[in-house]
Amino acid sequence: MKKLLLIPMLMLCLTLKAQDKIEITGEDYQNTGVEMADLMRSNGKIYVLVGIIGIVLGGILVYLIQTDRKITRLEQQYKELS
């Protein structure tokens, strides 16, 4: 069943394009700023964005540390029982 679905999906992927090619002009090389970032910086929202990203990454880091400690504790208990 998987092989029957795999072949048509591969054929479909070969015919589709992810995006059209856009020609690069000289103006693209002269662009020195990012409009969205400049707008957010001028409104003071860039700091909110940086803060949220920091909080999310900090939460992930805390979660990983707690999980590592739990796994270490379980490994030690397993070694003691073995």
PDB file of N, CA and C in Angstrom:
ATOM      1  N   MET A   1       0.825  -1.191   0.000  1.00  0.00           N
ATOM      2  CA  MET A   1       0.000   0.000   0.000  1.00  0.00           C
ATOM      3  C   MET A   1       0.872   1.259   0.000  1.00  0.00           C
ATOM      4  N   LYS A   2       1.948   1.225   0.817  1.00  0.00           N
ATOM      5  CA  LYS A   2       2.821   2.385   0.875  1.00  0.00           C
ATOM      6  C   LYS A   2       3.528   2.614  -0.455  1.00  0.00           C
ATOM      7  N   LYS A   3       3.906   1.517  -1.120  1.00  0.00           N
ATOM      8  CA  LYS A   3       4.591   1.653  -2.398  1.00  0.00           C
ATOM      9  C   LYS A   3       3.655   2.210  -3.454  1.00  0.00           C
ATOM     10  N   LEU A   4       2.384   1.844  -3.369  1.00  0.00           N
ATOM     11  CA  LEU A   4       1.426   2.353  -4.340  1.00  0.00           C
ATOM     12  C   LEU A   4       1.224   3.861  -4.175  1.00  0.00           C
ATOM     13  N   LEU A   5       1.324   4.355  -2.967  1.00  0.00           N
ATOM     14  CA  LEU A   5       1.192   5.786  -2.741  1.00  0.00           C
ATOM     15  C   LEU A   5       2.499   6.535  -2.992  1.00  0.00           C
ATOM     16  N   LEU A   6       3.602   5.867  -2.784  1.00  0.00           N
ATOM     17  CA  LEU A   6       4.899   6.503  -2.916  1.00  0.00           C
ATOM     18  C   LEU A   6       5.203   6.897  -4.356  1.00  0.00           C
ATOM     19  N   ILE A   7       4.936   6.031  -5.283  1.00  0.00           N
ATOM     20  CA  ILE A   7       5.263   6.294  -6.686  1.00  0.00           C
ATOM     21  C   ILE A   7       4.487   7.491  -7.235  1.00  0.00           C
ATOM     22  N   PRO A   8       3.153   7.563  -7.060  1.00  0.00           N
ATOM     23  CA  PRO A   8       2.456   8.758  -7.561  1.00  0.00           C
ATOM     24  C   PRO A   8       2.884  10.047  -6.854  1.00  0.00           C
ATOM     25  N   MET A   9       3.194   9.953  -5.558  1.00  0.00           N
ATOM     26  CA  MET A   9       3.621  11.148  -4.838  1.00  0.00           C
ATOM     27  C   MET A   9       4.972  11.636  -5.361  1.00  0.00           C
ATOM     28  N   LEU A  10       5.884  10.720  -5.653  1.00  0.00           N
ATOM     29  CA  LEU A  10       7.174  11.111  -6.215  1.00  0.00           C
ATOM     30  C   LEU A  10       7.008  11.740  -7.591  1.00  0.00           C
ATOM     31  N   MET A  11       6.133  11.178  -8.393  1.00  0.00           N
ATOM     32  CA  MET A  11       5.878  11.743  -9.717  1.00  0.00           C
ATOM     33  C   MET A  11       5.276  13.136  -9.600  1.00  0.00           C
ATOM     34  N   LEU A  12       4.397  13.327  -8.624  1.00  0.00           N
ATOM     35  CA  LEU A  12       3.774  14.622  -8.410  1.00  0.00           C
ATOM     36  C   LEU A  12       4.803  15.647  -7.955  1.00  0.00           C
ATOM     37  N   CYS A  13       5.710  15.231  -7.098  1.00  0.00           N
ATOM     38  CA  CYS A  13       6.746  16.145  -6.604  1.00  0.00           C
ATOM     39  C   CYS A  13       7.676  16.591  -7.719  1.00  0.00           C
ATOM     40  N   LEU A  14       7.917  15.724  -8.667  1.00  0.00           N
ATOM     41  CA  LEU A  14       8.804  16.080  -9.768  1.00  0.00           C
ATOM     42  C   LEU A  14       8.172  17.124 -10.679  1.00  0.00           C
ATOM     43  N   THR A  15       6.855  17.152 -10.753  1.00  0.00           N
ATOM     44  CA  THR A  15       6.195  18.082 -11.667  1.00  0.00           C
ATOM     45  C   THR A  15       5.880  19.418 -11.018  1.00  0.00           C
ATOM     46  N   LEU A  16       5.830  19.474  -9.690  1.00  0.00           N
ATOM     47  CA  LEU A  16       5.489  20.717  -9.011  1.00  0.00           C
ATOM     48  C   LEU A  16       6.727  21.577  -8.796  1.00  0.00           C
ATOM     49  N   LYS A  17       6.488  22.861  -8.711  1.00  0.00           N
ATOM     50  CA  LYS A  17       7.567  23.798  -8.403  1.00  0.00           C
ATOM     51  C   LYS A  17       7.268  24.410  -7.049  1.00  0.00           C
ATOM     52  N   ALA A  18       8.287  24.567  -6.236  1.00  0.00           N
ATOM     53  CA  ALA A  18       8.087  25.179  -4.927  1.00  0.00           C
ATOM     54  C   ALA A  18       7.789  26.662  -5.075  1.00  0.00           C
ATOM     55  N   GLN A  19       8.484  27.307  -5.986  1.00  0.00           N
ATOM     56  CA  GLN A  19       8.238  28.722  -6.242  1.00  0.00           C
ATOM     57  C   GLN A  19       8.805  29.055  -7.608  1.00  0.00           C
ATOM     58  N   ASP A  20       8.278  30.107  -8.186  1.00  0.00           N
ATOM     59  CA  ASP A  20       8.786  30.550  -9.475  1.00  0.00           C
ATOM     60  C   ASP A  20      10.106  31.270  -9.273  1.00  0.00           C
ATOM     61  N   LYS A  21      10.934  31.193 -10.263  1.00  0.00           N
ATOM     62  CA  LYS A  21      12.219  31.891 -10.173  1.00  0.00           C
ATOM     63  C   LYS A  21      11.992  33.376 -10.393  1.00  0.00           C
ATOM     64  N   ILE A  22      12.590  34.178  -9.520  1.00  0.00           N
ATOM     65  CA  ILE A  22      12.474  35.625  -9.611  1.00  0.00           C
ATOM     66  C   ILE A  22      13.833  36.163 -10.027  1.00  0.00           C
ATOM     67  N   GLU A  23      13.810  37.027 -11.016  1.00  0.00           N
ATOM     68  CA  GLU A  23      15.061  37.571 -11.511  1.00  0.00           C
ATOM     69  C   GLU A  23      15.638  38.555 -10.505  1.00  0.00           C
ATOM     70  N   ILE A  24      16.928  38.449 -10.237  1.00  0.00           N
ATOM     71  CA  ILE A  24      17.616  39.333  -9.299  1.00  0.00           C
ATOM     72  C   ILE A  24      18.108  40.542 -10.071  1.00  0.00           C
ATOM     73  N   THR A  25      17.769  41.725  -9.556  1.00  0.00           N
ATOM     74  CA  THR A  25      18.165  42.963 -10.217  1.00  0.00           C
ATOM     75  C   THR A  25      19.213  43.684  -9.381  1.00  0.00           C
ATOM     76  N   GLY A  26      19.703  44.785  -9.898  1.00  0.00           N
ATOM     77  CA  GLY A  26      20.685  45.587  -9.195  1.00  0.00           C
ATOM     78  C   GLY A  26      20.108  46.219  -7.939  1.00  0.00           C
ATOM     79  N   GLU A  27      18.799  46.483  -7.923  1.00  0.00           N
ATOM     80  CA  GLU A  27      18.157  47.071  -6.748  1.00  0.00           C
ATOM     81  C   GLU A  27      18.211  46.117  -5.561  1.00  0.00           C
ATOM     82  N   ASP A  28      18.205  44.828  -5.824  1.00  0.00           N
ATOM     83  CA  ASP A  28      18.267  43.842  -4.743  1.00  0.00           C
ATOM     84  C   ASP A  28      19.602  43.929  -4.004  1.00  0.00           C
ATOM     85  N   TYR A  29      20.656  44.244  -4.731  1.00  0.00           N
ATOM     86  CA  TYR A  29      21.962  44.341  -4.102  1.00  0.00           C
ATOM     87  C   TYR A  29      22.129  45.658  -3.348  1.00  0.00           C
ATOM     88  N   GLN A  30      21.382  46.681  -3.718  1.00  0.00           N
ATOM     89  CA  GLN A  30      21.468  47.981  -3.060  1.00  0.00           C
ATOM     90  C   GLN A  30      20.624  48.059  -1.796  1.00  0.00           C
ATOM     91  N   ASN A  31      19.782  47.066  -1.553  1.00  0.00           N
ATOM     92  CA  ASN A  31      18.898  47.076  -0.388  1.00  0.00           C
ATOM     93  C   ASN A  31      19.722  46.846   0.872  1.00  0.00           C
ATOM     94  N   THR A  32      19.776  47.857   1.738  1.00  0.00           N
ATOM     95  CA  THR A  32      20.590  47.763   2.947  1.00  0.00           C
ATOM     96  C   THR A  32      19.755  47.577   4.197  1.00  0.00           C
ATOM     97  N   GLY A  33      18.454  47.737   4.130  1.00  0.00           N
ATOM     98  CA  GLY A  33      17.609  47.617   5.317  1.00  0.00           C
ATOM     99  C   GLY A  33      16.453  46.676   5.081  1.00  0.00           C
ATOM    100  N   VAL A  34      15.925  46.190   6.158  1.00  0.00           N
ATOM    101  CA  VAL A  34      14.760  45.332   6.096  1.00  0.00           C
ATOM    102  C   VAL A  34      13.579  46.172   6.551  1.00  0.00           C
ATOM    103  N   GLU A  35      12.590  46.347   5.681  1.00  0.00           N
ATOM    104  CA  GLU A  35      11.492  47.256   5.966  1.00  0.00           C
ATOM    105  C   GLU A  35      10.737  46.860   7.231  1.00  0.00           C
ATOM    106  N   MET A  36      10.459  45.573   7.380  1.00  0.00           N
ATOM    107  CA  MET A  36       9.683  45.124   8.531  1.00  0.00           C
ATOM    108  C   MET A  36      10.447  45.397   9.829  1.00  0.00           C
ATOM    109  N   ALA A  37      11.737  45.108   9.840  1.00  0.00           N
ATOM    110  CA  ALA A  37      12.530  45.326  11.051  1.00  0.00           C
ATOM    111  C   ALA A  37      12.645  46.812  11.350  1.00  0.00           C
ATOM    112  N   ASP A  38      12.800  47.640  10.319  1.00  0.00           N
ATOM    113  CA  ASP A  38      12.889  49.078  10.540  1.00  0.00           C
ATOM    114  C   ASP A  38      11.592  49.620  11.112  1.00  0.00           C
ATOM    115  N   LEU A  39      10.468  49.145  10.602  1.00  0.00           N
ATOM    116  CA  LEU A  39       9.165  49.591  11.103  1.00  0.00           C
ATOM    117  C   LEU A  39       8.967  49.158  12.548  1.00  0.00           C
ATOM    118  N   MET A  40       9.316  47.908  12.865  1.00  0.00           N
ATOM    119  CA  MET A  40       9.149  47.423  14.237  1.00  0.00           C
ATOM    120  C   MET A  40      10.090  48.148  15.192  1.00  0.00           C
ATOM    121  N   ARG A  41      11.288  48.453  14.730  1.00  0.00           N
ATOM    122  CA  ARG A  41      12.240  49.169  15.573  1.00  0.00           C
ATOM    123  C   ARG A  41      11.752  50.588  15.845  1.00  0.00           C
ATOM    124  N   SER A  42      11.180  51.238  14.842  1.00  0.00           N
ATOM    125  CA  SER A  42      10.711  52.608  15.030  1.00  0.00           C
ATOM    126  C   SER A  42       9.503  52.655  15.962  1.00  0.00           C
ATOM    127  N   ASN A  43       8.691  51.606  15.990  1.00  0.00           N
ATOM    128  CA  ASN A  43       7.536  51.554  16.884  1.00  0.00           C
ATOM    129  C   ASN A  43       7.890  51.001  18.256  1.00  0.00           C
ATOM    130  N   GLY A  44       9.115  50.504  18.431  1.00  0.00           N
ATOM    131  CA  GLY A  44       9.521  49.936  19.709  1.00  0.00           C
ATOM    132  C   GLY A  44       9.059  48.500  19.901  1.00  0.00           C
ATOM    133  N   LYS A  45       8.494  47.902  18.871  1.00  0.00           N
ATOM    134  CA  LYS A  45       7.980  46.538  18.990  1.00  0.00           C
ATOM    135  C   LYS A  45       9.077  45.487  18.835  1.00  0.00           C
ATOM    136  N   ILE A  46      10.219  45.883  18.305  1.00  0.00           N
ATOM    137  CA  ILE A  46      11.292  44.917  18.105  1.00  0.00           C
ATOM    138  C   ILE A  46      11.776  44.372  19.443  1.00  0.00           C
ATOM    139  N   TYR A  47      11.736  45.212  20.487  1.00  0.00           N
ATOM    140  CA  TYR A  47      12.179  44.771  21.802  1.00  0.00           C
ATOM    141  C   TYR A  47      11.198  43.767  22.406  1.00  0.00           C
ATOM    142  N   VAL A  48       9.916  43.949  22.101  1.00  0.00           N
ATOM    143  CA  VAL A  48       8.910  42.983  22.551  1.00  0.00           C
ATOM    144  C   VAL A  48       9.165  41.636  21.875  1.00  0.00           C
ATOM    145  N   LEU A  49       9.459  41.667  20.593  1.00  0.00           N
ATOM    146  CA  LEU A  49       9.734  40.443  19.848  1.00  0.00           C
ATOM    147  C   LEU A  49      10.972  39.737  20.390  1.00  0.00           C
ATOM    148  N   VAL A  50      12.026  40.490  20.633  1.00  0.00           N
ATOM    149  CA  VAL A  50      13.249  39.901  21.178  1.00  0.00           C
ATOM    150  C   VAL A  50      12.987  39.313  22.559  1.00  0.00           C
ATOM    151  N   GLY A  51      12.192  40.001  23.371  1.00  0.00           N
ATOM    152  CA  GLY A  51      11.845  39.494  24.697  1.00  0.00           C
ATOM    153  C   GLY A  51      11.069  38.199  24.634  1.00  0.00           C
ATOM    154  N   ILE A  52      10.101  38.117  23.737  1.00  0.00           N
ATOM    155  CA  ILE A  52       9.300  36.899  23.600  1.00  0.00           C
ATOM    156  C   ILE A  52      10.176  35.734  23.130  1.00  0.00           C
ATOM    157  N   ILE A  53      11.049  36.004  22.170  1.00  0.00           N
ATOM    158  CA  ILE A  53      11.949  34.949  21.690  1.00  0.00           C
ATOM    159  C   ILE A  53      12.851  34.472  22.829  1.00  0.00           C
ATOM    160  N   GLY A  54      13.341  35.406  23.634  1.00  0.00           N
ATOM    161  CA  GLY A  54      14.180  35.038  24.778  1.00  0.00           C
ATOM    162  C   GLY A  54      13.431  34.188  25.791  1.00  0.00           C
ATOM    163  N   ILE A  55      12.177  34.560  26.080  1.00  0.00           N
ATOM    164  CA  ILE A  55      11.375  33.791  27.029  1.00  0.00           C
ATOM    165  C   ILE A  55      11.126  32.379  26.508  1.00  0.00           C
ATOM    166  N   VAL A  56      10.787  32.257  25.240  1.00  0.00           N
ATOM    167  CA  VAL A  56      10.520  30.929  24.659  1.00  0.00           C
ATOM    168  C   VAL A  56      11.778  30.070  24.697  1.00  0.00           C
ATOM    169  N   LEU A  57      12.912  30.626  24.282  1.00  0.00           N
ATOM    170  CA  LEU A  57      14.154  29.846  24.295  1.00  0.00           C
ATOM    171  C   LEU A  57      14.583  29.509  25.719  1.00  0.00           C
ATOM    172  N   GLY A  58      14.353  30.434  26.667  1.00  0.00           N
ATOM    173  CA  GLY A  58      14.650  30.143  28.064  1.00  0.00           C
ATOM    174  C   GLY A  58      13.787  29.011  28.595  1.00  0.00           C
ATOM    175  N   GLY A  59      12.505  29.013  28.227  1.00  0.00           N
ATOM    176  CA  GLY A  59      11.606  27.938  28.645  1.00  0.00           C
ATOM    177  C   GLY A  59      12.032  26.593  28.097  1.00  0.00           C
ATOM    178  N   ILE A  60      12.453  26.584  26.836  1.00  0.00           N
ATOM    179  CA  ILE A  60      12.932  25.334  26.241  1.00  0.00           C
ATOM    180  C   ILE A  60      14.184  24.851  26.955  1.00  0.00           C
ATOM    181  N   LEU A  61      15.076  25.775  27.289  1.00  0.00           N
ATOM    182  CA  LEU A  61      16.313  25.412  27.993  1.00  0.00           C
ATOM    183  C   LEU A  61      16.008  24.832  29.375  1.00  0.00           C
ATOM    184  N   VAL A  62      15.101  25.453  30.115  1.00  0.00           N
ATOM    185  CA  VAL A  62      14.719  24.951  31.442  1.00  0.00           C
ATOM    186  C   VAL A  62      14.098  23.561  31.324  1.00  0.00           C
ATOM    187  N   TYR A  63      13.234  23.374  30.325  1.00  0.00           N
ATOM    188  CA  TYR A  63      12.606  22.071  30.110  1.00  0.00           C
ATOM    189  C   TYR A  63      13.654  21.000  29.813  1.00  0.00           C
ATOM    190  N   LEU A  64      14.641  21.325  28.977  1.00  0.00           N
ATOM    191  CA  LEU A  64      15.683  20.351  28.639  1.00  0.00           C
ATOM    192  C   LEU A  64      16.531  19.996  29.852  1.00  0.00           C
ATOM    193  N   ILE A  65      16.846  20.984  30.675  1.00  0.00           N
ATOM    194  CA  ILE A  65      17.645  20.712  31.874  1.00  0.00           C
ATOM    195  C   ILE A  65      16.879  19.825  32.847  1.00  0.00           C
ATOM    196  N   GLN A  66      15.595  20.113  33.053  1.00  0.00           N
ATOM    197  CA  GLN A  66      14.781  19.281  33.956  1.00  0.00           C
ATOM    198  C   GLN A  66      14.665  17.851  33.430  1.00  0.00           C
ATOM    199  N   THR A  67      14.463  17.725  32.122  1.00  0.00           N
ATOM    200  CA  THR A  67      14.354  16.391  31.533  1.00  0.00           C
ATOM    201  C   THR A  67      15.659  15.631  31.671  1.00  0.00           C
ATOM    202  N   ASP A  68      16.791  16.308  31.476  1.00  0.00           N
ATOM    203  CA  ASP A  68      18.083  15.664  31.623  1.00  0.00           C
ATOM    204  C   ASP A  68      18.296  15.180  33.052  1.00  0.00           C
ATOM    205  N   ARG A  69      17.912  15.978  34.029  1.00  0.00           N
ATOM    206  CA  ARG A  69      18.049  15.570  35.430  1.00  0.00           C
ATOM    207  C   ARG A  69      17.177  14.348  35.741  1.00  0.00           C
ATOM    208  N   LYS A  70      15.961  14.325  35.208  1.00  0.00           N
ATOM    209  CA  LYS A  70      15.068  13.180  35.446  1.00  0.00           C
ATOM    210  C   LYS A  70      15.645  11.914  34.823  1.00  0.00           C
ATOM    211  N   ILE A  71      16.179  12.045  33.618  1.00  0.00           N
ATOM    212  CA  ILE A  71      16.751  10.880  32.938  1.00  0.00           C
ATOM    213  C   ILE A  71      17.974  10.378  33.698  1.00  0.00           C
ATOM    214  N   THR A  72      18.812  11.299  34.177  1.00  0.00           N
ATOM    215  CA  THR A  72      19.989  10.912  34.950  1.00  0.00           C
ATOM    216  C   THR A  72      19.584  10.173  36.221  1.00  0.00           C
ATOM    217  N   ARG A  73      18.550  10.686  36.887  1.00  0.00           N
ATOM    218  CA  ARG A  73      18.070  10.042  38.113  1.00  0.00           C
ATOM    219  C   ARG A  73      17.532   8.633  37.806  1.00  0.00           C
ATOM    220  N   LEU A  74      16.799   8.488  36.716  1.00  0.00           N
ATOM    221  CA  LEU A  74      16.277   7.170  36.340  1.00  0.00           C
ATOM    222  C   LEU A  74      17.410   6.206  35.969  1.00  0.00           C
ATOM    223  N   GLU A  75      18.438   6.715  35.302  1.00  0.00           N
ATOM    224  CA  GLU A  75      19.579   5.860  34.946  1.00  0.00           C
ATOM    225  C   GLU A  75      20.294   5.366  36.197  1.00  0.00           C
ATOM    226  N   GLN A  76      20.444   6.223  37.180  1.00  0.00           N
ATOM    227  CA  GLN A  76      21.090   5.826  38.426  1.00  0.00           C
ATOM    228  C   GLN A  76      20.255   4.785  39.160  1.00  0.00           C
ATOM    229  N   GLN A  77      18.951   4.962  39.198  1.00  0.00           N
ATOM    230  CA  GLN A  77      18.081   3.967  39.837  1.00  0.00           C
ATOM    231  C   GLN A  77      18.147   2.650  39.112  1.00  0.00           C
ATOM    232  N   TYR A  78      18.222   2.684  37.789  1.00  0.00           N
ATOM    233  CA  TYR A  78      18.296   1.457  37.011  1.00  0.00           C
ATOM    234  C   TYR A  78      19.611   0.726  37.278  1.00  0.00           C
ATOM    235  N   LYS A  79      20.725   1.479  37.401  1.00  0.00           N
ATOM    236  CA  LYS A  79      22.021   0.859  37.685  1.00  0.00           C
ATOM    237  C   LYS A  79      22.031   0.237  39.072  1.00  0.00           C
ATOM    238  N   GLU A  80      21.375   0.876  40.028  1.00  0.00           N
ATOM    239  CA  GLU A  80      21.318   0.349  41.387  1.00  0.00           C
ATOM    240  C   GLU A  80      20.516  -0.952  41.438  1.00  0.00           C
ATOM    241  N   LEU A  81      19.463  -1.039  40.622  1.00  0.00           N
ATOM    242  CA  LEU A  81      18.627  -2.238  40.631  1.00  0.00           C
ATOM    243  C   LEU A  81      19.283  -3.387  39.858  1.00  0.00           C
ATOM    244  N   SER A  82      20.147  -3.059  38.919  1.00  0.00           N
ATOM    245  CA  SER A  82      20.764  -4.107  38.084  1.00  0.00           C
ATOM    246  C   SER A  82      21.855  -4.841  38.792  1.00  0.00           C
TER     247      SER A  82
END
